[in-house]
PDB file of all heavy atoms in Angstrom:
ATOM      1  N   LYS A   1       0.819  -1.306   0.005  1.00  0.00           N
ATOM      2  CA  LYS A   1      -0.049  -0.027  -0.022  1.00  0.00           C
ATOM      3  C   LYS A   1       0.908   1.267   0.002  1.00  0.00           C
ATOM      4  O   LYS A   1       0.659   2.215  -0.757  1.00  0.00           O
ATOM      5  CB  LYS A   1      -0.931  -0.095   1.188  1.00  0.00           C
ATOM      6  CG  LYS A   1      -1.849   1.179   1.297  1.00  0.00           C
ATOM      7  CD  LYS A   1      -2.715   1.012   2.519  1.00  0.00           C
ATOM      8  CE  LYS A   1      -3.474   2.351   2.779  1.00  0.00           C
ATOM      9  NZ  LYS A   1      -4.322   2.280   3.968  1.00  0.00           N
ATOM     10  N   ARG A   2       1.861   1.274   0.864  1.00  0.00           N
ATOM     11  CA  ARG A   2       2.702   2.449   0.967  1.00  0.00           C
ATOM     12  C   ARG A   2       3.531   2.687  -0.245  1.00  0.00           C
ATOM     13  O   ARG A   2       3.784   3.792  -0.755  1.00  0.00           O
ATOM     14  CB  ARG A   2       3.475   2.431   2.203  1.00  0.00           C
ATOM     15  CG  ARG A   2       2.621   2.834   3.423  1.00  0.00           C
ATOM     16  CD  ARG A   2       3.383   3.042   4.717  1.00  0.00           C
ATOM     17  NE  ARG A   2       2.628   3.611   5.815  1.00  0.00           N
ATOM     18  CZ  ARG A   2       1.723   2.885   6.468  1.00  0.00           C
ATOM     19  NH1 ARG A   2       1.635   1.554   6.300  1.00  0.00           N
ATOM     20  NH2 ARG A   2       1.035   3.362   7.383  1.00  0.00           N
ATOM     21  N   LEU A   3       4.181   1.587  -0.730  1.00  0.00           N
ATOM     22  CA  LEU A   3       5.014   1.632  -1.881  1.00  0.00           C
ATOM     23  C   LEU A   3       4.257   2.094  -3.117  1.00  0.00           C
ATOM     24  O   LEU A   3       4.610   2.979  -3.853  1.00  0.00           O
ATOM     25  CB  LEU A   3       5.652   0.262  -2.280  1.00  0.00           C
ATOM     26  CG  LEU A   3       6.536   0.230  -3.488  1.00  0.00           C
ATOM     27  CD1 LEU A   3       7.652   1.232  -3.428  1.00  0.00           C
ATOM     28  CD2 LEU A   3       6.966  -1.158  -3.803  1.00  0.00           C
ATOM     29  N   ARG A   4       2.974   1.641  -3.303  1.00  0.00           N
ATOM     30  CA  ARG A   4       2.187   2.103  -4.374  1.00  0.00           C
ATOM     31  C   ARG A   4       1.840   3.534  -4.258  1.00  0.00           C
ATOM     32  O   ARG A   4       1.909   4.364  -5.218  1.00  0.00           O
ATOM     33  CB  ARG A   4       0.797   1.239  -4.365  1.00  0.00           C
ATOM     34  CG  ARG A   4      -0.104   1.697  -5.501  1.00  0.00           C
ATOM     35  CD  ARG A   4      -1.438   1.015  -5.540  1.00  0.00           C
ATOM     36  NE  ARG A   4      -1.215  -0.369  -6.108  1.00  0.00           N
ATOM     37  CZ  ARG A   4      -1.414  -1.496  -5.418  1.00  0.00           C
ATOM     38  NH1 ARG A   4      -1.950  -1.417  -4.279  1.00  0.00           N
ATOM     39  NH2 ARG A   4      -1.207  -2.585  -6.043  1.00  0.00           N
ATOM     40  N   GLN A   5       1.507   4.004  -3.005  1.00  0.00           N
ATOM     41  CA  GLN A   5       1.159   5.471  -2.859  1.00  0.00           C
ATOM     42  C   GLN A   5       2.409   6.402  -3.130  1.00  0.00           C
ATOM     43  O   GLN A   5       2.263   7.369  -3.785  1.00  0.00           O
ATOM     44  CB  GLN A   5       0.727   5.623  -1.424  1.00  0.00           C
ATOM     45  CG  GLN A   5       0.086   7.023  -1.211  1.00  0.00           C
ATOM     46  CD  GLN A   5      -1.125   7.353  -2.097  1.00  0.00           C
ATOM     47  OE1 GLN A   5      -2.055   6.508  -2.126  1.00  0.00           O
ATOM     48  NE2 GLN A   5      -1.071   8.342  -2.796  1.00  0.00           N
ATOM     49  N   ILE A   6       3.560   5.917  -2.685  1.00  0.00           N
ATOM     50  CA  ILE A   6       4.699   6.670  -2.869  1.00  0.00           C
ATOM     51  C   ILE A   6       5.092   6.904  -4.379  1.00  0.00           C
ATOM     52  O   ILE A   6       5.305   7.963  -4.910  1.00  0.00           O
ATOM     53  CB  ILE A   6       6.001   6.073  -2.210  1.00  0.00           C
ATOM     54  CG1 ILE A   6       5.770   6.296  -0.642  1.00  0.00           C
ATOM     55  CG2 ILE A   6       7.198   6.679  -2.751  1.00  0.00           C
ATOM     56  CD1 ILE A   6       6.764   5.472   0.160  1.00  0.00           C
ATOM     57  N   LEU A   7       5.049   5.716  -5.100  1.00  0.00           N
ATOM     58  CA  LEU A   7       5.237   5.771  -6.536  1.00  0.00           C
ATOM     59  C   LEU A   7       4.199   6.584  -7.270  1.00  0.00           C
ATOM     60  O   LEU A   7       4.491   7.429  -8.173  1.00  0.00           O
ATOM     61  CB  LEU A   7       5.348   4.300  -7.081  1.00  0.00           C
ATOM     62  CG  LEU A   7       6.577   3.513  -6.690  1.00  0.00           C
ATOM     63  CD1 LEU A   7       6.411   2.106  -7.166  1.00  0.00           C
ATOM     64  CD2 LEU A   7       7.954   4.196  -7.210  1.00  0.00           C
ATOM     65  N   LEU A   8       2.985   6.485  -6.903  1.00  0.00           N
ATOM     66  CA  LEU A   8       1.892   7.226  -7.595  1.00  0.00           C
ATOM     67  C   LEU A   8       2.079   8.722  -7.334  1.00  0.00           C
ATOM     68  O   LEU A   8       1.829   9.510  -8.237  1.00  0.00           O
ATOM     69  CB  LEU A   8       0.540   6.829  -7.126  1.00  0.00           C
ATOM     70  CG  LEU A   8       0.089   5.443  -7.651  1.00  0.00           C
ATOM     71  CD1 LEU A   8      -1.213   4.960  -7.060  1.00  0.00           C
ATOM     72  CD2 LEU A   8      -0.113   5.349  -9.198  1.00  0.00           C
ATOM     73  N   ASN A   9       2.452   9.029  -5.992  1.00  0.00           N
ATOM     74  CA  ASN A   9       2.639  10.483  -5.865  1.00  0.00           C
ATOM     75  C   ASN A   9       3.809  11.057  -6.586  1.00  0.00           C
ATOM     76  O   ASN A   9       3.622  12.154  -7.128  1.00  0.00           O
ATOM     77  CB  ASN A   9       2.806  10.707  -4.336  1.00  0.00           C
ATOM     78  CG  ASN A   9       1.633  10.572  -3.512  1.00  0.00           C
ATOM     79  OD1 ASN A   9       0.535  10.449  -3.985  1.00  0.00           O
ATOM     80  ND2 ASN A   9       1.794  10.649  -2.102  1.00  0.00           N
ATOM     81  N   LEU A  10       4.909  10.344  -6.565  1.00  0.00           N
ATOM     82  CA  LEU A  10       6.051  10.817  -7.304  1.00  0.00           C
ATOM     83  C   LEU A  10       5.813  10.999  -8.816  1.00  0.00           C
ATOM     84  O   LEU A  10       6.110  11.965  -9.453  1.00  0.00           O
ATOM     85  CB  LEU A  10       7.292   9.981  -7.023  1.00  0.00           C
ATOM     86  CG  LEU A  10       7.793   9.957  -5.554  1.00  0.00           C
ATOM     87  CD1 LEU A  10       8.960   8.870  -5.499  1.00  0.00           C
ATOM     88  CD2 LEU A  10       8.421  11.309  -5.300  1.00  0.00           C
ATOM     89  N   LEU A  11       5.223   9.968  -9.338  1.00  0.00           N
ATOM     90  CA  LEU A  11       4.951   9.980 -10.832  1.00  0.00           C
ATOM     91  C   LEU A  11       3.837  11.101 -11.088  1.00  0.00           C
ATOM     92  O   LEU A  11       4.086  11.705 -12.132  1.00  0.00           O
ATOM     93  CB  LEU A  11       4.526   8.551 -11.298  1.00  0.00           C
ATOM     94  CG  LEU A  11       5.559   7.479 -11.308  1.00  0.00           C
ATOM     95  CD1 LEU A  11       4.950   6.213 -11.433  1.00  0.00           C
ATOM     96  CD2 LEU A  11       6.498   7.767 -12.499  1.00  0.00           C
ATOM     97  N   SER A  12       2.851  11.128 -10.350  1.00  0.00           N
ATOM     98  CA  SER A  12       1.890  12.163 -10.532  1.00  0.00           C
ATOM     99  C   SER A  12       2.508  13.569 -10.455  1.00  0.00           C
ATOM    100  O   SER A  12       2.151  14.490 -11.312  1.00  0.00           O
ATOM    101  CB  SER A  12       0.758  12.138  -9.589  1.00  0.00           C
ATOM    102  OG  SER A  12      -0.022  10.873  -9.810  1.00  0.00           O
ATOM    103  N   ASN A  13       3.324  13.813  -9.537  1.00  0.00           N
ATOM    104  CA  ASN A  13       3.947  15.128  -9.376  1.00  0.00           C
ATOM    105  C   ASN A  13       4.879  15.413 -10.637  1.00  0.00           C
ATOM    106  O   ASN A  13       4.926  16.503 -11.200  1.00  0.00           O
ATOM    107  CB  ASN A  13       4.806  15.188  -8.177  1.00  0.00           C
ATOM    108  CG  ASN A  13       4.014  15.432  -7.009  1.00  0.00           C
ATOM    109  OD1 ASN A  13       2.846  15.937  -7.011  1.00  0.00           O
ATOM    110  ND2 ASN A  13       4.502  15.298  -5.780  1.00  0.00           N
ATOM    111  N   ALA A  14       5.614  14.246 -11.060  1.00  0.00           N
ATOM    112  CA  ALA A  14       6.430  14.429 -12.246  1.00  0.00           C
ATOM    113  C   ALA A  14       5.626  14.844 -13.440  1.00  0.00           C
ATOM    114  O   ALA A  14       6.000  15.763 -14.184  1.00  0.00           O
ATOM    115  CB  ALA A  14       7.259  13.194 -12.551  1.00  0.00           C
ATOM    116  N   ILE A  15       4.411  14.317 -13.571  1.00  0.00           N
ATOM    117  CA  ILE A  15       3.520  14.610 -14.705  1.00  0.00           C
ATOM    118  C   ILE A  15       3.000  16.067 -14.552  1.00  0.00           C
ATOM    119  O   ILE A  15       3.009  16.839 -15.542  1.00  0.00           O
ATOM    120  CB  ILE A  15       2.401  13.607 -14.914  1.00  0.00           C
ATOM    121  CG1 ILE A  15       3.027  12.253 -15.320  1.00  0.00           C
ATOM    122  CG2 ILE A  15       1.372  14.071 -15.784  1.00  0.00           C
ATOM    123  CD1 ILE A  15       2.153  11.056 -15.232  1.00  0.00           C
ATOM    124  N   LYS A  16       2.614  16.371 -13.429  1.00  0.00           N
ATOM    125  CA  LYS A  16       1.923  17.680 -13.053  1.00  0.00           C
ATOM    126  C   LYS A  16       2.933  18.801 -13.334  1.00  0.00           C
ATOM    127  O   LYS A  16       2.544  19.885 -13.769  1.00  0.00           O
ATOM    128  CB  LYS A  16       1.489  17.651 -11.616  1.00  0.00           C
ATOM    129  CG  LYS A  16       0.678  18.757 -11.139  1.00  0.00           C
ATOM    130  CD  LYS A  16       0.342  18.766  -9.701  1.00  0.00           C
ATOM    131  CE  LYS A  16      -0.091  17.470  -9.151  1.00  0.00           C
ATOM    132  NZ  LYS A  16      -0.447  17.589  -7.685  1.00  0.00           N
ATOM    133  N   PHE A  17       4.244  18.591 -13.006  1.00  0.00           N
ATOM    134  CA  PHE A  17       5.095  19.686 -13.106  1.00  0.00           C
ATOM    135  C   PHE A  17       6.130  19.668 -14.289  1.00  0.00           C
ATOM    136  O   PHE A  17       7.122  20.299 -14.297  1.00  0.00           O
ATOM    137  CB  PHE A  17       5.979  19.863 -11.811  1.00  0.00           C
ATOM    138  CG  PHE A  17       5.065  20.263 -10.582  1.00  0.00           C
ATOM    139  CD1 PHE A  17       4.840  19.224  -9.627  1.00  0.00           C
ATOM    140  CD2 PHE A  17       4.523  21.485 -10.494  1.00  0.00           C
ATOM    141  CE1 PHE A  17       3.868  19.664  -8.572  1.00  0.00           C
ATOM    142  CE2 PHE A  17       3.733  21.847  -9.482  1.00  0.00           C
ATOM    143  CZ  PHE A  17       3.381  20.849  -8.453  1.00  0.00           C
ATOM    144  N   THR A  18       5.800  18.739 -15.244  1.00  0.00           N
ATOM    145  CA  THR A  18       6.586  18.722 -16.517  1.00  0.00           C
ATOM    146  C   THR A  18       5.687  19.271 -17.663  1.00  0.00           C
ATOM    147  O   THR A  18       4.724  18.668 -18.093  1.00  0.00           O
ATOM    148  CB  THR A  18       6.973  17.233 -16.741  1.00  0.00           C
ATOM    149  OG1 THR A  18       7.684  16.791 -15.646  1.00  0.00           O
ATOM    150  CG2 THR A  18       7.750  17.172 -18.021  1.00  0.00           C
ATOM    151  N   PRO A  19       5.989  20.424 -18.127  1.00  0.00           N
ATOM    152  CA  PRO A  19       5.165  20.951 -19.160  1.00  0.00           C
ATOM    153  C   PRO A  19       5.269  20.347 -20.583  1.00  0.00           C
ATOM    154  O   PRO A  19       4.342  20.334 -21.287  1.00  0.00           O
ATOM    155  CB  PRO A  19       5.692  22.410 -19.318  1.00  0.00           C
ATOM    156  CG  PRO A  19       7.060  22.425 -18.722  1.00  0.00           C
ATOM    157  CD  PRO A  19       7.131  21.350 -17.739  1.00  0.00           C
ATOM    158  N   ALA A  20       6.471  19.705 -20.844  1.00  0.00           N
ATOM    159  CA  ALA A  20       6.620  18.994 -22.087  1.00  0.00           C
ATOM    160  C   ALA A  20       7.757  17.966 -22.058  1.00  0.00           C
ATOM    161  O   ALA A  20       8.585  18.103 -21.122  1.00  0.00           O
ATOM    162  CB  ALA A  20       6.902  20.011 -23.267  1.00  0.00           C
ATOM    163  N   GLY A  21       7.622  16.991 -22.845  1.00  0.00           N
ATOM    164  CA  GLY A  21       8.738  15.964 -22.821  1.00  0.00           C
ATOM    165  C   GLY A  21       8.380  14.646 -22.293  1.00  0.00           C
ATOM    166  O   GLY A  21       7.401  14.014 -22.780  1.00  0.00           O
ATOM    167  N   THR A  22       9.142  14.107 -21.308  1.00  0.00           N
ATOM    168  CA  THR A  22       9.057  12.711 -20.866  1.00  0.00           C
ATOM    169  C   THR A  22       9.083  12.542 -19.450  1.00  0.00           C
ATOM    170  O   THR A  22       9.778  13.343 -18.751  1.00  0.00           O
ATOM    171  CB  THR A  22      10.227  11.911 -21.522  1.00  0.00           C
ATOM    172  OG1 THR A  22      10.332  12.082 -22.895  1.00  0.00           O
ATOM    173  CG2 THR A  22      10.170  10.444 -21.297  1.00  0.00           C
ATOM    174  N   VAL A  23       8.333  11.596 -18.866  1.00  0.00           N
ATOM    175  CA  VAL A  23       8.409  11.158 -17.564  1.00  0.00           C
ATOM    176  C   VAL A  23       8.914   9.608 -17.599  1.00  0.00           C
ATOM    177  O   VAL A  23       8.380   8.913 -18.381  1.00  0.00           O
ATOM    178  CB  VAL A  23       7.103  11.293 -16.744  1.00  0.00           C
ATOM    179  CG1 VAL A  23       7.154  10.564 -15.390  1.00  0.00           C
ATOM    180  CG2 VAL A  23       6.697  12.692 -16.685  1.00  0.00           C
ATOM    181  N   THR A  24       9.901   9.238 -16.791  1.00  0.00           N
ATOM    182  CA  THR A  24      10.469   7.893 -16.924  1.00  0.00           C
ATOM    183  C   THR A  24      10.513   7.284 -15.542  1.00  0.00           C
ATOM    184  O   THR A  24      10.821   7.920 -14.559  1.00  0.00           O
ATOM    185  CB  THR A  24      11.947   7.930 -17.442  1.00  0.00           C
ATOM    186  OG1 THR A  24      11.901   8.634 -18.732  1.00  0.00           O
ATOM    187  CG2 THR A  24      12.486   6.641 -17.634  1.00  0.00           C
ATOM    188  N   LEU A  25      10.080   6.071 -15.515  1.00  0.00           N
ATOM    189  CA  LEU A  25      10.226   5.155 -14.299  1.00  0.00           C
ATOM    190  C   LEU A  25      11.202   4.033 -14.644  1.00  0.00           C
ATOM    191  O   LEU A  25      10.909   3.197 -15.553  1.00  0.00           O
ATOM    192  CB  LEU A  25       8.857   4.644 -13.880  1.00  0.00           C
ATOM    193  CG  LEU A  25       8.946   3.524 -12.737  1.00  0.00           C
ATOM    194  CD1 LEU A  25       9.501   4.085 -11.444  1.00  0.00           C
ATOM    195  CD2 LEU A  25       7.497   3.027 -12.496  1.00  0.00           C
ATOM    196  N   ASP A  26      12.279   4.025 -13.979  1.00  0.00           N
ATOM    197  CA  ASP A  26      13.246   2.958 -14.096  1.00  0.00           C
ATOM    198  C   ASP A  26      13.317   2.006 -12.871  1.00  0.00           C
ATOM    199  O   ASP A  26      13.345   2.513 -11.807  1.00  0.00           O
ATOM    200  CB  ASP A  26      14.745   3.505 -14.436  1.00  0.00           C
ATOM    201  CG  ASP A  26      14.883   4.187 -15.730  1.00  0.00           C
ATOM    202  OD1 ASP A  26      14.425   3.549 -16.718  1.00  0.00           O
ATOM    203  OD2 ASP A  26      15.315   5.375 -15.698  1.00  0.00           O
ATOM    204  N   LEU A  27      13.256   0.732 -13.058  1.00  0.00           N
ATOM    205  CA  LEU A  27      13.366  -0.157 -12.028  1.00  0.00           C
ATOM    206  C   LEU A  27      14.597  -1.030 -12.168  1.00  0.00           C
ATOM    207  O   LEU A  27      14.760  -1.676 -13.257  1.00  0.00           O
ATOM    208  CB  LEU A  27      12.064  -1.077 -11.916  1.00  0.00           C
ATOM    209  CG  LEU A  27      12.162  -2.336 -11.026  1.00  0.00           C
ATOM    210  CD1 LEU A  27      12.367  -2.000  -9.522  1.00  0.00           C
ATOM    211  CD2 LEU A  27      10.946  -3.138 -11.095  1.00  0.00           C
ATOM    212  N   THR A  28      15.405  -1.119 -11.209  1.00  0.00           N
ATOM    213  CA  THR A  28      16.578  -2.073 -11.215  1.00  0.00           C
ATOM    214  C   THR A  28      16.499  -2.968 -10.001  1.00  0.00           C
ATOM    215  O   THR A  28      15.886  -2.597  -9.010  1.00  0.00           O
ATOM    216  CB  THR A  28      17.931  -1.323 -11.299  1.00  0.00           C
ATOM    217  OG1 THR A  28      17.969  -0.470 -10.011  1.00  0.00           O
ATOM    218  CG2 THR A  28      18.067  -0.436 -12.391  1.00  0.00           C
ATOM    219  N   TYR A  29      17.041  -4.118 -10.031  1.00  0.00           N
ATOM    220  CA  TYR A  29      16.945  -5.097  -8.975  1.00  0.00           C
ATOM    221  C   TYR A  29      18.231  -5.849  -8.964  1.00  0.00           C
ATOM    222  O   TYR A  29      18.675  -6.528  -9.963  1.00  0.00           O
ATOM    223  CB  TYR A  29      15.797  -6.068  -9.220  1.00  0.00           C
ATOM    224  CG  TYR A  29      15.546  -6.967  -8.052  1.00  0.00           C
ATOM    225  CD1 TYR A  29      14.930  -6.667  -7.010  1.00  0.00           C
ATOM    226  CD2 TYR A  29      16.078  -8.269  -8.120  1.00  0.00           C
ATOM    227  CE1 TYR A  29      14.699  -7.523  -5.822  1.00  0.00           C
ATOM    228  CE2 TYR A  29      15.922  -9.160  -7.097  1.00  0.00           C
ATOM    229  CZ  TYR A  29      15.235  -8.738  -5.940  1.00  0.00           C
ATOM    230  OH  TYR A  29      15.154  -9.600  -4.946  1.00  0.00           O
ATOM    231  N   ARG A  30      18.901  -5.891  -7.747  1.00  0.00           N
ATOM    232  CA  ARG A  30      20.145  -6.634  -7.658  1.00  0.00           C
ATOM    233  C   ARG A  30      20.302  -6.896  -6.121  1.00  0.00           C
ATOM    234  O   ARG A  30      20.084  -6.109  -5.318  1.00  0.00           O
ATOM    235  CB  ARG A  30      21.303  -5.727  -8.103  1.00  0.00           C
ATOM    236  CG  ARG A  30      22.560  -6.549  -8.039  1.00  0.00           C
ATOM    237  CD  ARG A  30      23.678  -5.666  -8.657  1.00  0.00           C
ATOM    238  NE  ARG A  30      24.914  -6.411  -8.623  1.00  0.00           N
ATOM    239  CZ  ARG A  30      26.102  -5.869  -8.448  1.00  0.00           C
ATOM    240  NH1 ARG A  30      26.206  -4.603  -8.367  1.00  0.00           N
ATOM    241  NH2 ARG A  30      27.175  -6.597  -8.298  1.00  0.00           N
TER     242      ARG A  30
END
């Protein structure tokens, strides 16, 4: 629940405050 909320908030803010271009989510695992 918390991980989903954090990711949604960060991605939504990236979209909200980016007037043009790209928003990227990169996942790495090691």
